[in-house]
């Protein structure tokens, strides 16, 4: 559950910053989605190599 929450938090933060910098909602949504997915994949990778 913490990994899921971290992905949501970092994705939302990334989208908010992107929207604030450029004002484009579609670009902000893309940045938020990419940051969330990459956070989940990165954490899953760390868990995988730790086993």
PDB file of N, CA and C in Angstrom:
ATOM      1  N   UNK A   1       0.806  -1.208   0.000  1.00  0.00           N
ATOM      2  CA  UNK A   1       0.000   0.000   0.000  1.00  0.00           C
ATOM      3  C   UNK A   1       0.851   1.274   0.000  1.00  0.00           C
ATOM      4  N   UNK A   2       1.985   1.305   0.716  1.00  0.00           N
ATOM      5  CA  UNK A   2       2.808   2.522   0.676  1.00  0.00           C
ATOM      6  C   UNK A   2       3.348   2.816  -0.727  1.00  0.00           C
ATOM      7  N   UNK A   3       3.631   1.776  -1.515  1.00  0.00           N
ATOM      8  CA  UNK A   3       4.132   1.986  -2.868  1.00  0.00           C
ATOM      9  C   UNK A   3       3.050   2.633  -3.726  1.00  0.00           C
ATOM     10  N   UNK A   4       1.821   2.170  -3.580  1.00  0.00           N
ATOM     11  CA  UNK A   4       0.696   2.746  -4.316  1.00  0.00           C
ATOM     12  C   UNK A   4       0.499   4.207  -3.924  1.00  0.00           C
ATOM     13  N   UNK A   5       0.547   4.500  -2.637  1.00  0.00           N
ATOM     14  CA  UNK A   5       0.379   5.872  -2.159  1.00  0.00           C
ATOM     15  C   UNK A   5       1.525   6.768  -2.642  1.00  0.00           C
ATOM     16  N   UNK A   6       2.733   6.234  -2.658  1.00  0.00           N
ATOM     17  CA  UNK A   6       3.873   7.021  -3.139  1.00  0.00           C
ATOM     18  C   UNK A   6       3.719   7.349  -4.616  1.00  0.00           C
ATOM     19  N   UNK A   7       3.229   6.385  -5.387  1.00  0.00           N
ATOM     20  CA  UNK A   7       3.002   6.641  -6.810  1.00  0.00           C
ATOM     21  C   UNK A   7       1.950   7.704  -7.035  1.00  0.00           C
ATOM     22  N   UNK A   8       0.871   7.648  -6.267  1.00  0.00           N
ATOM     23  CA  UNK A   8      -0.170   8.661  -6.381  1.00  0.00           C
ATOM     24  C   UNK A   8       0.332  10.038  -5.963  1.00  0.00           C
ATOM     25  N   UNK A   9       1.068  10.084  -4.880  1.00  0.00           N
ATOM     26  CA  UNK A   9       1.588  11.353  -4.381  1.00  0.00           C
ATOM     27  C   UNK A   9       2.568  11.985  -5.367  1.00  0.00           C
ATOM     28  N   UNK A  10       3.532  11.203  -5.833  1.00  0.00           N
ATOM     29  CA  UNK A  10       4.520  11.749  -6.763  1.00  0.00           C
ATOM     30  C   UNK A  10       3.903  12.066  -8.122  1.00  0.00           C
ATOM     31  N   UNK A  11       2.943  11.251  -8.554  1.00  0.00           N
ATOM     32  CA  UNK A  11       2.256  11.543  -9.810  1.00  0.00           C
ATOM     33  C   UNK A  11       1.453  12.829  -9.726  1.00  0.00           C
ATOM     34  N   UNK A  12       0.724  12.999  -8.639  1.00  0.00           N
ATOM     35  CA  UNK A  12      -0.048  14.221  -8.456  1.00  0.00           C
ATOM     36  C   UNK A  12       0.827  15.451  -8.347  1.00  0.00           C
ATOM     37  N   UNK A  13       1.912  15.323  -7.630  1.00  0.00           N
ATOM     38  CA  UNK A  13       2.853  16.441  -7.484  1.00  0.00           C
ATOM     39  C   UNK A  13       3.470  16.809  -8.834  1.00  0.00           C
ATOM     40  N   UNK A  14       3.841  15.804  -9.590  1.00  0.00           N
ATOM     41  CA  UNK A  14       4.419  16.055 -10.906  1.00  0.00           C
ATOM     42  C   UNK A  14       3.415  16.724 -11.834  1.00  0.00           C
ATOM     43  N   UNK A  15       2.177  16.251 -11.818  1.00  0.00           N
ATOM     44  CA  UNK A  15       1.147  16.865 -12.646  1.00  0.00           C
ATOM     45  C   UNK A  15       0.861  18.300 -12.241  1.00  0.00           C
ATOM     46  N   UNK A  16       0.836  18.545 -10.950  1.00  0.00           N
ATOM     47  CA  UNK A  16       0.580  19.897 -10.449  1.00  0.00           C
ATOM     48  C   UNK A  16       1.692  20.862 -10.849  1.00  0.00           C
ATOM     49  N   UNK A  17       2.921  20.427 -10.718  1.00  0.00           N
ATOM     50  CA  UNK A  17       4.051  21.278 -11.100  1.00  0.00           C
ATOM     51  C   UNK A  17       4.053  21.525 -12.605  1.00  0.00           C
ATOM     52  N   UNK A  18       3.783  20.465 -13.387  1.00  0.00           N
ATOM     53  CA  UNK A  18       3.749  20.631 -14.843  1.00  0.00           C
ATOM     54  C   UNK A  18       2.644  21.588 -15.250  1.00  0.00           C
ATOM     55  N   UNK A  19       1.476  21.452 -14.643  1.00  0.00           N
ATOM     56  CA  UNK A  19       0.363  22.341 -14.969  1.00  0.00           C
ATOM     57  C   UNK A  19       0.694  23.785 -14.584  1.00  0.00           C
ATOM     58  N   UNK A  20       1.334  23.959 -13.452  1.00  0.00           N
ATOM     59  CA  UNK A  20       1.711  25.299 -13.006  1.00  0.00           C
ATOM     60  C   UNK A  20       2.739  25.952 -13.914  1.00  0.00           C
ATOM     61  N   UNK A  21       3.619  25.140 -14.492  1.00  0.00           N
ATOM     62  CA  UNK A  21       4.676  25.703 -15.331  1.00  0.00           C
ATOM     63  C   UNK A  21       4.207  25.989 -16.756  1.00  0.00           C
ATOM     64  N   UNK A  22       3.320  25.143 -17.301  1.00  0.00           N
ATOM     65  CA  UNK A  22       2.968  25.335 -18.709  1.00  0.00           C
ATOM     66  C   UNK A  22       1.484  25.614 -18.931  1.00  0.00           C
ATOM     67  N   UNK A  23       0.622  25.290 -17.988  1.00  0.00           N
ATOM     68  CA  UNK A  23      -0.801  25.574 -18.123  1.00  0.00           C
ATOM     69  C   UNK A  23      -1.545  24.632 -19.050  1.00  0.00           C
ATOM     70  N   UNK A  24      -0.916  23.577 -19.524  1.00  0.00           N
ATOM     71  CA  UNK A  24      -1.555  22.617 -20.429  1.00  0.00           C
ATOM     72  C   UNK A  24      -2.035  21.415 -19.627  1.00  0.00           C
ATOM     73  N   UNK A  25      -3.344  21.220 -19.583  1.00  0.00           N
ATOM     74  CA  UNK A  25      -3.914  20.144 -18.784  1.00  0.00           C
ATOM     75  C   UNK A  25      -3.568  18.756 -19.292  1.00  0.00           C
ATOM     76  N   UNK A  26      -3.529  18.584 -20.619  1.00  0.00           N
ATOM     77  CA  UNK A  26      -3.200  17.270 -21.176  1.00  0.00           C
ATOM     78  C   UNK A  26      -1.758  16.888 -20.895  1.00  0.00           C
ATOM     79  N   UNK A  27      -0.869  17.828 -21.021  1.00  0.00           N
ATOM     80  CA  UNK A  27       0.537  17.565 -20.719  1.00  0.00           C
ATOM     81  C   UNK A  27       0.727  17.253 -19.238  1.00  0.00           C
ATOM     82  N   UNK A  28       0.006  17.968 -18.385  1.00  0.00           N
ATOM     83  CA  UNK A  28       0.093  17.720 -16.942  1.00  0.00           C
ATOM     84  C   UNK A  28      -0.417  16.324 -16.605  1.00  0.00           C
ATOM     85  N   UNK A  29      -1.503  15.897 -17.243  1.00  0.00           N
ATOM     86  CA  UNK A  29      -2.038  14.556 -17.001  1.00  0.00           C
ATOM     87  C   UNK A  29      -1.056  13.487 -17.469  1.00  0.00           C
ATOM     88  N   UNK A  30      -0.434  13.717 -18.602  1.00  0.00           N
ATOM     89  CA  UNK A  30       0.563  12.774 -19.104  1.00  0.00           C
ATOM     90  C   UNK A  30       1.757  12.684 -18.159  1.00  0.00           C
ATOM     91  N   UNK A  31       2.229  13.822 -17.675  1.00  0.00           N
ATOM     92  CA  UNK A  31       3.360  13.837 -16.745  1.00  0.00           C
ATOM     93  C   UNK A  31       2.993  13.143 -15.431  1.00  0.00           C
ATOM     94  N   UNK A  32       1.784  13.370 -14.944  1.00  0.00           N
ATOM     95  CA  UNK A  32       1.352  12.730 -13.699  1.00  0.00           C
ATOM     96  C   UNK A  32       1.262  11.219 -13.863  1.00  0.00           C
ATOM     97  N   UNK A  33       0.688  10.785 -14.965  1.00  0.00           N
ATOM     98  CA  UNK A  33       0.586   9.343 -15.216  1.00  0.00           C
ATOM     99  C   UNK A  33       1.943   8.686 -15.358  1.00  0.00           C
ATOM    100  N   UNK A  34       2.830   9.337 -16.083  1.00  0.00           N
ATOM    101  CA  UNK A  34       4.169   8.779 -16.272  1.00  0.00           C
ATOM    102  C   UNK A  34       4.929   8.714 -14.946  1.00  0.00           C
ATOM    103  N   UNK A  35       4.845   9.751 -14.142  1.00  0.00           N
ATOM    104  CA  UNK A  35       5.545   9.759 -12.854  1.00  0.00           C
ATOM    105  C   UNK A  35       4.991   8.688 -11.924  1.00  0.00           C
ATOM    106  N   UNK A  36       3.676   8.529 -11.905  1.00  0.00           N
ATOM    107  CA  UNK A  36       3.075   7.495 -11.056  1.00  0.00           C
ATOM    108  C   UNK A  36       3.492   6.099 -11.471  1.00  0.00           C
ATOM    109  N   UNK A  37       3.414   5.805 -12.760  1.00  0.00           N
ATOM    110  CA  UNK A  37       3.774   4.473 -13.252  1.00  0.00           C
ATOM    111  C   UNK A  37       5.258   4.200 -13.045  1.00  0.00           C
ATOM    112  N   UNK A  38       6.093   5.186 -13.340  1.00  0.00           N
ATOM    113  CA  UNK A  38       7.529   4.973 -13.149  1.00  0.00           C
ATOM    114  C   UNK A  38       7.898   4.795 -11.677  1.00  0.00           C
ATOM    115  N   UNK A  39       7.168   5.459 -10.781  1.00  0.00           N
ATOM    116  CA  UNK A  39       7.403   5.251  -9.351  1.00  0.00           C
ATOM    117  C   UNK A  39       7.058   3.818  -8.958  1.00  0.00           C
ATOM    118  N   UNK A  40       5.903   3.335  -9.423  1.00  0.00           N
ATOM    119  CA  UNK A  40       5.505   1.955  -9.106  1.00  0.00           C
ATOM    120  C   UNK A  40       6.488   0.950  -9.694  1.00  0.00           C
ATOM    121  N   UNK A  41       6.920   1.168 -10.927  1.00  0.00           N
ATOM    122  CA  UNK A  41       7.865   0.246 -11.550  1.00  0.00           C
ATOM    123  C   UNK A  41       9.218   0.280 -10.848  1.00  0.00           C
ATOM    124  N   UNK A  42       9.652   1.459 -10.455  1.00  0.00           N
ATOM    125  CA  UNK A  42      10.924   1.566  -9.748  1.00  0.00           C
ATOM    126  C   UNK A  42      10.898   0.865  -8.401  1.00  0.00           C
ATOM    127  N   UNK A  43       9.830   1.042  -7.658  1.00  0.00           N
ATOM    128  CA  UNK A  43       9.703   0.364  -6.362  1.00  0.00           C
ATOM    129  C   UNK A  43       9.580  -1.147  -6.546  1.00  0.00           C
ATOM    130  N   UNK A  44       8.828  -1.576  -7.553  1.00  0.00           N
ATOM    131  CA  UNK A  44       8.699  -3.005  -7.826  1.00  0.00           C
ATOM    132  C   UNK A  44      10.050  -3.605  -8.210  1.00  0.00           C
ATOM    133  N   UNK A  45      10.838  -2.868  -8.974  1.00  0.00           N
ATOM    134  CA  UNK A  45      12.164  -3.330  -9.347  1.00  0.00           C
ATOM    135  C   UNK A  45      13.066  -3.480  -8.130  1.00  0.00           C
ATOM    136  N   UNK A  46      13.012  -2.499  -7.227  1.00  0.00           N
ATOM    137  CA  UNK A  46      13.826  -2.590  -6.009  1.00  0.00           C
ATOM    138  C   UNK A  46      13.412  -3.772  -5.143  1.00  0.00           C
ATOM    139  N   UNK A  47      12.121  -4.009  -5.057  1.00  0.00           N
ATOM    140  CA  UNK A  47      11.630  -5.162  -4.291  1.00  0.00           C
ATOM    141  C   UNK A  47      12.066  -6.454  -4.957  1.00  0.00           C
ATOM    142  N   UNK A  48      12.006  -6.486  -6.297  1.00  0.00           N
ATOM    143  CA  UNK A  48      12.381  -7.685  -7.049  1.00  0.00           C
ATOM    144  C   UNK A  48      13.858  -8.025  -6.861  1.00  0.00           C
ATOM    145  N   UNK A  49      14.747  -7.027  -6.962  1.00  0.00           N
ATOM    146  CA  UNK A  49      16.173  -7.331  -6.838  1.00  0.00           C
ATOM    147  C   UNK A  49      16.586  -7.586  -5.384  1.00  0.00           C
ATOM    148  N   UNK A  50      15.747  -7.192  -4.436  1.00  0.00           N
ATOM    149  CA  UNK A  50      16.059  -7.423  -3.038  1.00  0.00           C
ATOM    150  C   UNK A  50      15.806  -8.872  -2.633  1.00  0.00           C
ATOM    151  N   UNK A  51      14.932  -9.551  -3.366  1.00  0.00           N
ATOM    152  CA  UNK A  51      14.594 -10.949  -3.020  1.00  0.00           C
ATOM    153  C   UNK A  51      15.655 -11.919  -3.423  1.00  0.00           C
TER     154      UNK A  51
END
